């Protein structure tokens, strides 16, 4: 007889194990068996909860996006003024929990998954639109009609830093990454003046 209340705990463990396995291997070339073993459950249970590898990978992607969204919302609540909102989005992008080696590897591999999976692609489009919308809203009072272009530039810088980190390896430097993107923002604001 199954223990009541264990399903959400086991699902969460499988999602965390998915992110950790992708981080450890650096690719989507992980098996449900590896994920299940790391989570401390059977492969059969993993298949029961998620249906298959792609669904487990998408659950990992949704978790990474949910964690990121929560950090952005918390940072925005604490921000003051338009520049503070932009800085909050940048800071949340490189917050230590979001800019861990395993999460960076997961992001990069989710981009790869989105090339072939319509569901993963949809999740990525939702993330990109929210990022763009949040940045444009914060930038508009600072730079007016250039806000959409600068927002695209900031988003591209953030994605680029993640890609470089994934390819470089080592311990992610959250402060250095944040400073790099904020320097780009400062340059755009100086050009506006």
N, C-alpha and C. Protein backbone atom coordinates (compact mmCIF):
# COMPACT_ATOMS: atom_id res chain seq x y z
N UNK A 1 0.85 -1.17 0.00
CA UNK A 1 0.00 0.00 0.00
C UNK A 1 0.90 1.24 0.00
N UNK A 2 0.63 2.20 -0.91
CA UNK A 2 1.46 3.40 -0.96
C UNK A 2 1.24 4.29 0.26
N UNK A 3 2.31 4.97 0.64
CA UNK A 3 2.20 5.91 1.75
C UNK A 3 1.52 7.17 1.25
N UNK A 4 0.54 7.64 2.01
CA UNK A 4 -0.17 8.86 1.63
C UNK A 4 0.77 10.05 1.72
N UNK A 5 0.68 10.92 0.76
CA UNK A 5 1.48 12.15 0.77
C UNK A 5 2.88 12.00 0.21
N UNK A 6 3.27 10.81 -0.21
CA UNK A 6 4.62 10.60 -0.72
C UNK A 6 4.79 11.04 -2.18
N UNK A 7 3.71 11.06 -2.93
CA UNK A 7 3.84 11.39 -4.35
C UNK A 7 4.48 12.76 -4.58
N UNK A 8 4.01 13.84 -3.92
CA UNK A 8 4.65 15.14 -4.18
C UNK A 8 6.12 15.16 -3.76
N UNK A 9 6.44 14.45 -2.69
CA UNK A 9 7.83 14.41 -2.21
C UNK A 9 8.71 13.68 -3.22
N UNK A 10 8.22 12.56 -3.72
CA UNK A 10 8.99 11.78 -4.70
C UNK A 10 9.11 12.52 -6.03
N UNK A 11 8.04 13.18 -6.45
CA UNK A 11 8.10 13.96 -7.70
C UNK A 11 9.14 15.07 -7.57
N UNK A 12 9.12 15.77 -6.44
CA UNK A 12 10.09 16.84 -6.21
C UNK A 12 11.51 16.29 -6.21
N UNK A 13 11.70 15.13 -5.61
CA UNK A 13 13.03 14.51 -5.58
C UNK A 13 13.47 14.13 -7.00
N UNK A 14 12.55 13.64 -7.81
CA UNK A 14 12.87 13.29 -9.20
C UNK A 14 13.23 14.53 -10.02
N UNK A 15 12.52 15.62 -9.79
CA UNK A 15 12.82 16.86 -10.52
C UNK A 15 14.20 17.37 -10.13
N UNK A 16 14.49 17.40 -8.84
CA UNK A 16 15.82 17.84 -8.37
C UNK A 16 16.91 16.91 -8.92
N UNK A 17 16.63 15.62 -8.92
CA UNK A 17 17.59 14.66 -9.44
C UNK A 17 17.83 14.87 -10.94
N UNK A 18 16.79 15.24 -11.66
CA UNK A 18 16.91 15.53 -13.09
C UNK A 18 17.89 16.67 -13.32
N UNK A 19 17.70 17.76 -12.58
CA UNK A 19 18.59 18.92 -12.71
C UNK A 19 20.02 18.54 -12.33
N UNK A 20 20.17 17.78 -11.26
CA UNK A 20 21.50 17.35 -10.82
C UNK A 20 22.17 16.44 -11.84
N UNK A 21 21.41 15.50 -12.42
CA UNK A 21 21.99 14.59 -13.42
C UNK A 21 22.40 15.33 -14.69
N UNK A 22 21.57 16.26 -15.13
CA UNK A 22 21.93 17.06 -16.31
C UNK A 22 23.19 17.86 -16.00
N UNK A 23 23.24 18.43 -14.80
CA UNK A 23 24.42 19.19 -14.39
C UNK A 23 25.67 18.33 -14.34
N UNK A 24 25.52 17.12 -13.82
CA UNK A 24 26.67 16.22 -13.70
C UNK A 24 27.17 15.74 -15.06
N UNK A 25 26.25 15.46 -15.97
CA UNK A 25 26.65 14.94 -17.28
C UNK A 25 26.92 16.05 -18.28
N UNK A 26 26.31 17.21 -18.04
CA UNK A 26 26.45 18.32 -18.98
C UNK A 26 25.64 18.16 -20.24
N UNK A 27 24.72 17.18 -20.24
CA UNK A 27 23.90 16.97 -21.43
C UNK A 27 22.56 16.34 -21.05
N UNK A 28 21.70 16.22 -22.05
CA UNK A 28 20.42 15.55 -21.86
C UNK A 28 20.56 14.05 -22.00
N UNK A 29 21.78 13.60 -22.20
CA UNK A 29 22.05 12.17 -22.37
C UNK A 29 22.08 11.48 -21.01
N UNK A 30 20.98 11.60 -20.30
CA UNK A 30 20.82 10.93 -19.01
C UNK A 30 19.63 9.98 -19.16
N UNK A 31 19.60 8.97 -18.33
CA UNK A 31 18.51 8.01 -18.42
C UNK A 31 17.56 8.19 -17.25
N UNK A 32 16.35 7.70 -17.44
CA UNK A 32 15.38 7.72 -16.34
C UNK A 32 15.93 6.92 -15.18
N UNK A 33 16.65 5.86 -15.47
CA UNK A 33 17.24 5.03 -14.43
C UNK A 33 18.25 5.82 -13.59
N UNK A 34 19.09 6.62 -14.24
CA UNK A 34 20.06 7.45 -13.52
C UNK A 34 19.34 8.48 -12.64
N UNK A 35 18.33 9.09 -13.20
CA UNK A 35 17.57 10.10 -12.46
C UNK A 35 16.89 9.45 -11.25
N UNK A 36 16.24 8.32 -11.49
CA UNK A 36 15.53 7.63 -10.41
C UNK A 36 16.50 7.19 -9.32
N UNK A 37 17.65 6.67 -9.71
CA UNK A 37 18.64 6.23 -8.72
C UNK A 37 19.08 7.40 -7.85
N UNK A 38 19.36 8.54 -8.47
CA UNK A 38 19.78 9.74 -7.71
C UNK A 38 18.67 10.18 -6.77
N UNK A 39 17.41 10.01 -7.20
CA UNK A 39 16.27 10.43 -6.37
C UNK A 39 15.91 9.40 -5.31
N UNK A 40 16.49 8.20 -5.43
CA UNK A 40 16.20 7.16 -4.45
C UNK A 40 14.87 6.46 -4.66
N UNK A 41 14.43 6.41 -5.92
CA UNK A 41 13.19 5.71 -6.25
C UNK A 41 13.47 4.78 -7.43
N UNK A 42 12.52 3.93 -7.74
CA UNK A 42 12.69 3.01 -8.86
C UNK A 42 12.38 3.71 -10.19
N UNK A 43 12.94 3.16 -11.25
CA UNK A 43 12.65 3.68 -12.60
C UNK A 43 11.16 3.56 -12.90
N UNK A 44 10.57 2.46 -12.46
CA UNK A 44 9.14 2.25 -12.70
C UNK A 44 8.31 3.36 -12.06
N UNK A 45 8.69 3.78 -10.86
CA UNK A 45 7.95 4.84 -10.18
C UNK A 45 8.14 6.17 -10.92
N UNK A 46 9.34 6.42 -11.41
CA UNK A 46 9.58 7.64 -12.18
C UNK A 46 8.70 7.66 -13.43
N UNK A 47 8.63 6.53 -14.12
CA UNK A 47 7.76 6.44 -15.30
C UNK A 47 6.29 6.60 -14.91
N UNK A 48 5.92 6.04 -13.79
CA UNK A 48 4.54 6.15 -13.31
C UNK A 48 4.16 7.61 -13.08
N UNK A 49 5.04 8.36 -12.43
CA UNK A 49 4.74 9.75 -12.10
C UNK A 49 4.79 10.68 -13.30
N UNK A 50 5.71 10.44 -14.23
CA UNK A 50 5.92 11.40 -15.32
C UNK A 50 5.62 10.85 -16.71
N UNK A 51 5.62 9.56 -16.90
CA UNK A 51 5.32 8.99 -18.19
C UNK A 51 6.55 8.66 -19.01
N UNK A 52 7.58 9.47 -18.97
CA UNK A 52 8.77 9.19 -19.76
C UNK A 52 9.84 10.24 -19.54
N UNK A 53 10.95 10.05 -20.19
CA UNK A 53 12.11 10.92 -20.01
C UNK A 53 11.80 12.37 -20.38
N UNK A 54 11.15 12.58 -21.51
CA UNK A 54 10.89 13.96 -21.94
C UNK A 54 10.01 14.70 -20.92
N UNK A 55 9.04 14.00 -20.34
CA UNK A 55 8.17 14.63 -19.35
C UNK A 55 8.96 14.97 -18.07
N UNK A 56 9.89 14.10 -17.71
CA UNK A 56 10.73 14.39 -16.53
C UNK A 56 11.63 15.59 -16.82
N UNK A 57 12.20 15.64 -18.02
CA UNK A 57 13.04 16.78 -18.40
C UNK A 57 12.24 18.08 -18.40
N UNK A 58 11.01 18.02 -18.91
CA UNK A 58 10.16 19.21 -18.91
C UNK A 58 9.79 19.63 -17.49
N UNK A 59 9.58 18.66 -16.61
CA UNK A 59 9.30 18.99 -15.21
C UNK A 59 10.51 19.70 -14.59
N UNK A 60 11.70 19.25 -14.95
CA UNK A 60 12.91 19.92 -14.48
C UNK A 60 12.98 21.34 -15.00
N UNK A 61 12.63 21.51 -16.27
CA UNK A 61 12.63 22.84 -16.87
C UNK A 61 11.61 23.75 -16.19
N UNK A 62 10.41 23.22 -15.94
CA UNK A 62 9.38 24.02 -15.25
C UNK A 62 9.85 24.42 -13.85
N UNK A 63 10.57 23.53 -13.17
CA UNK A 63 11.06 23.85 -11.83
C UNK A 63 12.11 24.96 -11.88
N UNK A 64 13.04 24.86 -12.82
CA UNK A 64 14.06 25.90 -12.97
C UNK A 64 13.39 27.24 -13.27
N UNK A 65 12.41 27.23 -14.17
CA UNK A 65 11.69 28.47 -14.51
C UNK A 65 10.89 29.01 -13.32
N UNK A 66 10.28 28.11 -12.55
CA UNK A 66 9.51 28.54 -11.37
C UNK A 66 10.43 29.14 -10.32
N UNK A 67 11.58 28.52 -10.09
CA UNK A 67 12.55 29.06 -9.12
C UNK A 67 13.03 30.43 -9.57
N UNK A 68 13.35 30.55 -10.85
CA UNK A 68 13.80 31.83 -11.39
C UNK A 68 12.70 32.89 -11.24
N UNK A 69 11.48 32.55 -11.61
CA UNK A 69 10.36 33.49 -11.51
C UNK A 69 10.13 33.96 -10.08
N UNK A 70 10.24 33.06 -9.13
CA UNK A 70 10.07 33.43 -7.72
C UNK A 70 11.15 34.41 -7.29
N UNK A 71 12.39 34.18 -7.72
CA UNK A 71 13.49 35.09 -7.36
C UNK A 71 13.28 36.46 -8.00
N UNK A 72 12.81 36.49 -9.24
CA UNK A 72 12.57 37.77 -9.91
C UNK A 72 11.45 38.52 -9.20
N UNK A 73 10.36 37.84 -8.89
CA UNK A 73 9.24 38.51 -8.20
C UNK A 73 9.67 39.08 -6.85
N UNK A 74 10.43 38.30 -6.10
CA UNK A 74 10.90 38.78 -4.80
C UNK A 74 11.83 39.98 -4.96
N UNK A 75 12.71 39.94 -5.96
CA UNK A 75 13.62 41.05 -6.19
C UNK A 75 12.86 42.30 -6.65
N UNK A 76 11.83 42.13 -7.48
CA UNK A 76 11.05 43.27 -7.95
C UNK A 76 10.28 43.93 -6.81
N UNK A 77 9.76 43.13 -5.90
CA UNK A 77 9.03 43.69 -4.75
C UNK A 77 9.95 44.58 -3.92
N UNK A 78 11.20 44.19 -3.78
CA UNK A 78 12.15 44.95 -2.96
C UNK A 78 12.79 46.12 -3.71
N UNK A 79 12.56 46.22 -5.03
CA UNK A 79 13.24 47.25 -5.83
C UNK A 79 12.54 48.60 -5.68
N UNK A 80 13.31 49.63 -6.01
CA UNK A 80 12.79 51.00 -5.96
C UNK A 80 13.08 51.70 -7.29
N UNK A 81 12.05 52.15 -7.95
CA UNK A 81 12.20 52.88 -9.19
C UNK A 81 12.53 52.00 -10.38
N UNK A 82 12.48 52.61 -11.58
CA UNK A 82 12.72 51.86 -12.82
C UNK A 82 14.11 51.22 -12.87
N UNK A 83 15.16 51.96 -12.53
CA UNK A 83 16.52 51.39 -12.57
C UNK A 83 16.62 50.25 -11.56
N UNK A 84 16.00 50.42 -10.42
CA UNK A 84 16.00 49.36 -9.41
C UNK A 84 15.33 48.10 -9.93
N UNK A 85 14.26 48.27 -10.73
CA UNK A 85 13.58 47.10 -11.31
C UNK A 85 14.49 46.35 -12.29
N UNK A 86 15.19 47.09 -13.14
CA UNK A 86 16.10 46.45 -14.09
C UNK A 86 17.21 45.74 -13.33
N UNK A 87 17.80 46.43 -12.36
CA UNK A 87 18.86 45.83 -11.55
C UNK A 87 18.36 44.57 -10.83
N UNK A 88 17.11 44.60 -10.38
CA UNK A 88 16.55 43.44 -9.68
C UNK A 88 16.43 42.23 -10.61
N UNK A 89 16.01 42.46 -11.84
CA UNK A 89 15.90 41.36 -12.82
C UNK A 89 17.28 40.79 -13.12
N UNK A 90 18.25 41.67 -13.31
CA UNK A 90 19.62 41.21 -13.58
C UNK A 90 20.16 40.45 -12.38
N UNK A 91 19.96 40.99 -11.19
CA UNK A 91 20.46 40.33 -9.97
C UNK A 91 19.82 38.95 -9.79
N UNK A 92 18.51 38.86 -10.03
CA UNK A 92 17.83 37.56 -9.89
C UNK A 92 18.34 36.56 -10.91
N UNK A 93 18.71 37.04 -12.09
CA UNK A 93 19.24 36.15 -13.13
C UNK A 93 20.53 35.48 -12.70
N UNK A 94 21.29 36.17 -11.87
CA UNK A 94 22.58 35.64 -11.44
C UNK A 94 22.63 35.36 -9.94
N UNK A 95 21.46 35.27 -9.33
CA UNK A 95 21.37 34.91 -7.92
C UNK A 95 22.00 33.53 -7.74
N UNK A 96 22.69 33.33 -6.64
CA UNK A 96 23.47 32.11 -6.44
C UNK A 96 22.65 30.84 -6.68
N UNK A 97 21.41 30.79 -6.25
CA UNK A 97 20.58 29.61 -6.47
C UNK A 97 20.22 29.39 -7.93
N UNK A 98 20.14 30.47 -8.70
CA UNK A 98 19.83 30.36 -10.13
C UNK A 98 21.08 30.17 -10.99
N UNK A 99 22.23 30.56 -10.46
CA UNK A 99 23.47 30.53 -11.25
C UNK A 99 24.45 29.49 -10.70
N UNK A 100 23.88 28.33 -10.32
CA UNK A 100 24.69 27.18 -9.89
C UNK A 100 25.11 26.40 -11.13
N UNK A 101 26.19 25.66 -11.00
CA UNK A 101 26.71 24.87 -12.13
C UNK A 101 25.64 23.95 -12.72
N UNK A 102 24.89 23.23 -11.86
CA UNK A 102 23.90 22.29 -12.38
C UNK A 102 22.73 23.01 -13.05
N UNK A 103 22.35 24.15 -12.51
CA UNK A 103 21.24 24.91 -13.10
C UNK A 103 21.67 25.53 -14.43
N UNK A 104 22.90 26.03 -14.48
CA UNK A 104 23.42 26.57 -15.74
C UNK A 104 23.41 25.49 -16.82
N UNK A 105 23.89 24.29 -16.47
CA UNK A 105 23.89 23.18 -17.43
C UNK A 105 22.46 22.82 -17.83
N UNK A 106 21.55 22.85 -16.87
CA UNK A 106 20.15 22.55 -17.18
C UNK A 106 19.58 23.58 -18.16
N UNK A 107 19.82 24.87 -17.92
CA UNK A 107 19.34 25.91 -18.84
C UNK A 107 19.83 25.64 -20.26
N UNK A 108 21.13 25.42 -20.39
CA UNK A 108 21.69 25.22 -21.72
C UNK A 108 21.05 24.00 -22.41
N UNK A 109 20.86 22.95 -21.66
CA UNK A 109 20.27 21.75 -22.24
C UNK A 109 18.78 21.89 -22.50
N UNK A 110 18.10 22.73 -21.74
CA UNK A 110 16.69 22.99 -22.02
C UNK A 110 16.54 23.75 -23.34
N UNK A 111 17.51 24.63 -23.62
CA UNK A 111 17.50 25.30 -24.92
C UNK A 111 17.65 24.27 -26.04
N UNK A 112 18.51 23.28 -25.83
CA UNK A 112 18.68 22.22 -26.82
C UNK A 112 17.38 21.42 -26.96
N UNK A 113 16.77 21.06 -25.84
CA UNK A 113 15.52 20.30 -25.86
C UNK A 113 14.42 21.07 -26.60
N UNK A 114 14.40 22.38 -26.44
CA UNK A 114 13.37 23.21 -27.07
C UNK A 114 13.46 23.19 -28.60
N UNK A 115 14.61 22.76 -29.13
CA UNK A 115 14.76 22.67 -30.58
C UNK A 115 13.92 21.54 -31.17
N UNK A 116 13.62 20.52 -30.35
CA UNK A 116 12.90 19.35 -30.86
C UNK A 116 11.58 19.08 -30.15
N UNK A 117 11.36 19.70 -29.01
CA UNK A 117 10.16 19.44 -28.23
C UNK A 117 9.24 20.67 -28.24
N UNK A 118 8.06 20.55 -28.83
CA UNK A 118 7.13 21.70 -28.84
C UNK A 118 6.76 22.18 -27.44
N UNK A 119 6.60 21.25 -26.49
CA UNK A 119 6.26 21.66 -25.12
C UNK A 119 7.40 22.42 -24.47
N UNK A 120 8.63 21.96 -24.65
CA UNK A 120 9.79 22.66 -24.10
C UNK A 120 9.95 24.02 -24.79
N UNK A 121 9.72 24.06 -26.08
CA UNK A 121 9.80 25.31 -26.82
C UNK A 121 8.79 26.33 -26.30
N UNK A 122 7.58 25.86 -26.03
CA UNK A 122 6.54 26.74 -25.49
C UNK A 122 6.96 27.32 -24.14
N UNK A 123 7.52 26.49 -23.26
CA UNK A 123 7.99 26.97 -21.96
C UNK A 123 9.07 28.04 -22.12
N UNK A 124 9.97 27.82 -23.05
CA UNK A 124 11.04 28.77 -23.28
C UNK A 124 10.51 30.09 -23.84
N UNK A 125 9.53 30.01 -24.72
CA UNK A 125 8.91 31.22 -25.27
C UNK A 125 8.22 32.02 -24.16
N UNK A 126 7.52 31.34 -23.27
CA UNK A 126 6.86 32.02 -22.14
C UNK A 126 7.91 32.74 -21.29
N UNK A 127 9.01 32.05 -20.98
CA UNK A 127 10.09 32.67 -20.20
C UNK A 127 10.63 33.91 -20.91
N UNK A 128 10.94 33.77 -22.21
CA UNK A 128 11.53 34.88 -22.96
C UNK A 128 10.58 36.07 -23.03
N UNK A 129 9.30 35.82 -23.22
CA UNK A 129 8.32 36.92 -23.29
C UNK A 129 8.19 37.63 -21.96
N UNK A 130 8.17 36.87 -20.86
CA UNK A 130 8.08 37.49 -19.54
C UNK A 130 9.31 38.34 -19.25
N UNK A 131 10.48 37.79 -19.57
CA UNK A 131 11.73 38.53 -19.36
C UNK A 131 11.69 39.83 -20.15
N UNK A 132 11.33 39.73 -21.42
CA UNK A 132 11.28 40.92 -22.28
C UNK A 132 10.27 41.94 -21.73
N UNK A 133 9.09 41.48 -21.39
CA UNK A 133 8.05 42.37 -20.88
C UNK A 133 8.49 43.07 -19.59
N UNK A 134 9.07 42.33 -18.67
CA UNK A 134 9.54 42.93 -17.42
C UNK A 134 10.62 43.97 -17.67
N UNK A 135 11.55 43.64 -18.56
CA UNK A 135 12.63 44.58 -18.85
C UNK A 135 12.11 45.84 -19.56
N UNK A 136 11.25 45.66 -20.55
CA UNK A 136 10.71 46.82 -21.27
C UNK A 136 9.94 47.73 -20.31
N UNK A 137 9.13 47.16 -19.45
CA UNK A 137 8.36 47.95 -18.48
C UNK A 137 9.29 48.80 -17.61
N UNK A 138 10.38 48.21 -17.15
CA UNK A 138 11.31 48.93 -16.29
C UNK A 138 12.16 49.94 -17.06
N UNK A 139 12.50 49.61 -18.31
CA UNK A 139 13.38 50.47 -19.10
C UNK A 139 12.68 51.66 -19.73
N UNK A 140 11.39 51.53 -20.01
CA UNK A 140 10.67 52.59 -20.74
C UNK A 140 10.81 53.98 -20.09
N UNK A 141 10.64 54.09 -18.75
CA UNK A 141 10.81 55.42 -18.15
C UNK A 141 12.26 55.93 -18.23
N UNK A 142 13.21 55.04 -18.42
CA UNK A 142 14.61 55.43 -18.45
C UNK A 142 15.09 55.80 -19.86
N UNK A 143 14.60 55.06 -20.89
CA UNK A 143 15.13 55.28 -22.24
C UNK A 143 14.06 55.33 -23.33
N UNK A 144 12.81 55.37 -22.94
CA UNK A 144 11.72 55.56 -23.89
C UNK A 144 11.63 54.51 -24.97
N UNK A 145 11.61 54.95 -26.25
CA UNK A 145 11.35 54.05 -27.36
C UNK A 145 12.45 53.02 -27.59
N UNK A 146 13.63 53.25 -27.02
CA UNK A 146 14.73 52.28 -27.16
C UNK A 146 14.58 51.10 -26.21
N UNK A 147 13.58 51.14 -25.34
CA UNK A 147 13.42 50.10 -24.31
C UNK A 147 13.37 48.68 -24.89
N UNK A 148 12.59 48.42 -25.95
CA UNK A 148 12.56 47.05 -26.47
C UNK A 148 13.92 46.56 -26.98
N UNK A 149 14.67 47.44 -27.64
CA UNK A 149 15.98 47.04 -28.15
C UNK A 149 16.96 46.77 -27.01
N UNK A 150 16.98 47.63 -26.02
CA UNK A 150 17.88 47.44 -24.89
C UNK A 150 17.46 46.21 -24.09
N UNK A 151 16.16 45.97 -23.98
CA UNK A 151 15.68 44.77 -23.28
C UNK A 151 16.18 43.51 -23.99
N UNK A 152 16.12 43.50 -25.32
CA UNK A 152 16.63 42.35 -26.08
C UNK A 152 18.13 42.19 -25.84
N UNK A 153 18.84 43.31 -25.78
CA UNK A 153 20.28 43.26 -25.53
C UNK A 153 20.60 42.69 -24.15
N UNK A 154 19.87 43.13 -23.14
CA UNK A 154 20.10 42.62 -21.78
C UNK A 154 19.78 41.13 -21.71
N UNK A 155 18.67 40.72 -22.30
CA UNK A 155 18.30 39.30 -22.29
C UNK A 155 19.35 38.48 -23.03
N UNK A 156 19.85 38.99 -24.14
CA UNK A 156 20.89 38.29 -24.89
C UNK A 156 22.18 38.20 -24.07
N UNK A 157 22.50 39.26 -23.35
CA UNK A 157 23.69 39.22 -22.48
C UNK A 157 23.54 38.16 -21.40
N UNK A 158 22.37 38.11 -20.78
CA UNK A 158 22.13 37.13 -19.73
C UNK A 158 22.27 35.71 -20.30
N UNK A 159 21.61 35.45 -21.43
CA UNK A 159 21.72 34.13 -22.06
C UNK A 159 23.17 33.83 -22.43
N UNK A 160 23.86 34.83 -22.95
CA UNK A 160 25.25 34.64 -23.35
C UNK A 160 26.16 34.31 -22.19
N UNK A 161 25.94 34.96 -21.06
CA UNK A 161 26.75 34.67 -19.87
C UNK A 161 26.50 33.24 -19.41
N UNK A 162 25.24 32.79 -19.47
CA UNK A 162 24.93 31.40 -19.11
C UNK A 162 25.63 30.43 -20.05
N UNK A 163 25.61 30.71 -21.34
CA UNK A 163 26.27 29.83 -22.32
C UNK A 163 27.77 29.79 -22.06
N UNK A 164 28.37 30.96 -21.85
CA UNK A 164 29.81 30.98 -21.58
C UNK A 164 30.14 30.22 -20.31
N UNK A 165 29.30 30.37 -19.29
CA UNK A 165 29.55 29.65 -18.04
C UNK A 165 29.45 28.14 -18.26
N UNK A 166 28.45 27.72 -19.02
CA UNK A 166 28.30 26.28 -19.29
C UNK A 166 29.50 25.74 -20.04
N UNK A 167 30.02 26.50 -20.98
CA UNK A 167 31.15 26.04 -21.77
C UNK A 167 32.46 26.14 -21.01
N UNK A 168 32.56 27.13 -20.14
CA UNK A 168 33.79 27.35 -19.38
C UNK A 168 33.91 26.38 -18.22
N UNK A 169 32.79 26.06 -17.59
CA UNK A 169 32.81 25.19 -16.41
C UNK A 169 33.29 25.96 -15.19
N UNK A 170 33.68 25.25 -14.18
CA UNK A 170 34.15 25.89 -12.96
C UNK A 170 33.00 26.42 -12.14
N UNK A 171 33.35 27.14 -11.11
CA UNK A 171 32.35 27.71 -10.21
C UNK A 171 31.81 29.00 -10.81
N UNK A 172 30.51 29.12 -10.95
CA UNK A 172 29.94 30.35 -11.52
C UNK A 172 30.23 31.57 -10.63
N UNK A 173 30.57 32.67 -11.27
CA UNK A 173 30.85 33.94 -10.57
C UNK A 173 29.63 34.84 -10.71
N UNK A 174 28.73 34.76 -9.75
CA UNK A 174 27.49 35.54 -9.80
C UNK A 174 27.75 37.03 -9.85
N UNK A 175 28.66 37.51 -9.02
CA UNK A 175 28.93 38.96 -8.98
C UNK A 175 29.54 39.45 -10.28
N UNK A 176 30.48 38.70 -10.83
CA UNK A 176 31.10 39.10 -12.10
C UNK A 176 30.09 39.10 -13.23
N UNK A 177 29.23 38.09 -13.26
CA UNK A 177 28.21 38.00 -14.30
C UNK A 177 27.23 39.18 -14.20
N UNK A 178 26.78 39.45 -12.99
CA UNK A 178 25.85 40.56 -12.79
C UNK A 178 26.50 41.88 -13.20
N UNK A 179 27.76 42.09 -12.81
CA UNK A 179 28.46 43.32 -13.15
C UNK A 179 28.59 43.51 -14.65
N UNK A 180 28.88 42.43 -15.36
CA UNK A 180 29.03 42.50 -16.82
C UNK A 180 27.75 43.01 -17.47
N UNK A 181 26.60 42.47 -17.07
CA UNK A 181 25.33 42.88 -17.66
C UNK A 181 24.95 44.29 -17.20
N UNK A 182 25.23 44.62 -15.96
CA UNK A 182 24.93 45.98 -15.49
C UNK A 182 25.81 47.02 -16.18
N UNK A 183 27.05 46.64 -16.53
CA UNK A 183 27.91 47.55 -17.30
C UNK A 183 27.30 47.84 -18.67
N UNK A 184 26.73 46.80 -19.28
CA UNK A 184 26.04 46.99 -20.57
C UNK A 184 24.87 47.95 -20.40
N UNK A 185 24.10 47.77 -19.34
CA UNK A 185 22.97 48.66 -19.07
C UNK A 185 23.46 50.09 -18.86
N UNK A 186 24.51 50.27 -18.07
CA UNK A 186 25.07 51.60 -17.83
C UNK A 186 25.48 52.27 -19.15
N UNK A 187 26.10 51.48 -20.04
CA UNK A 187 26.52 52.02 -21.34
C UNK A 187 25.29 52.49 -22.14
N UNK A 188 24.24 51.68 -22.12
CA UNK A 188 23.01 52.06 -22.85
C UNK A 188 22.39 53.33 -22.26
N UNK A 189 22.41 53.46 -20.95
CA UNK A 189 21.85 54.64 -20.31
C UNK A 189 22.70 55.88 -20.59
N UNK A 190 24.02 55.74 -20.63
CA UNK A 190 24.91 56.87 -20.96
C UNK A 190 24.66 57.33 -22.39
N UNK A 191 24.48 56.34 -23.29
CA UNK A 191 24.23 56.69 -24.70
C UNK A 191 22.93 57.44 -24.86
N UNK A 192 21.99 57.22 -23.97
CA UNK A 192 20.68 57.88 -24.01
C UNK A 192 20.81 59.36 -23.64
N UNK A 193 21.73 59.65 -22.73
CA UNK A 193 21.86 61.02 -22.20
C UNK A 193 22.39 61.99 -23.23
